[in-house]
Amino acid sequence: MISGCLFGQDGPLESYAGFGGMAAALSGFYDLTGWPDRAPAGPFGAYTDYVSPRFAVCALLAALEHRRRTGQGQYLDFAQAEAAVHFLTPALLDYTVNARVAGRRGNDDPVMAPHGVFRCAGRDRWVAIACRDDADWRTLASIVSRPDLAGLGEQERRNRRDALDAVITEWTGPRPPDEVEETLISHGVPAHAVQHSPECATDPQLRHQGHFAPVSHTEHGSGDR
């Protein structure tokens, strides 16, 4: 038998009524999500509701294997908050070993630079771009017509990320996101348009994978939309 709740069946918070958003706050996700000059944004939705079932399944399978080997059953007290903390292992380890406290950094990346979401033509249209290494950056610098910046190394790009983000935005700003995506991908630079719900519903990759399955409804007929 497995019991799954936010904070577990005993301890100081055993009777605390909570939801996934509260467990995300307790586990440290809210303080790390957002931009350094703003209040915490928090991950989307009830975060621990989404990630903890993976751990619950593993725990339950381990208990079933234990029963198969020994004939003994088990009762598992499973706390969402405790499971979700595992996803912050790098931050916890960095603090334990190096006494560094992780903080909010928006779309910035500890290694890749530039790395972010850039405005495109149209209302609330954006494109995500990631430079994995110097080769990606040299290609991107050429595409945005700034060969004078192509020789910047990773640390130099990180030190000048605000200025470089402005350079990229100057190029992406007048262009539709699909055009930016196609241009960059064709040159080997990782990029993708930020999709809204309508684009996700018609995304060719999701359709190819059969992600949206039509179903029939007794009152509304076939689900072909």
Foldseek 3Di string as FASTA:
>chain_A
DEDEDAAWCDDPCNPPDDFLQVLCVVLPQQQAADAPVDHGDGDPDSVLVPPVVVVVVVVVVVQVVVCVVPVDHDYHTHHSSVSVNVVCVVQVVCCVPPVDHHGYHYQPDPFWPPFDWEAAPDDPKIKTWTHRALVLQCLLCVVLPNNVCSPDGRVSRVVCRVVVSVSVNVRRHHHGQVVVCVVSVVVPTDMDIDDDPVCVVVPPVCVVVVVPPWAADPPPGTRPD
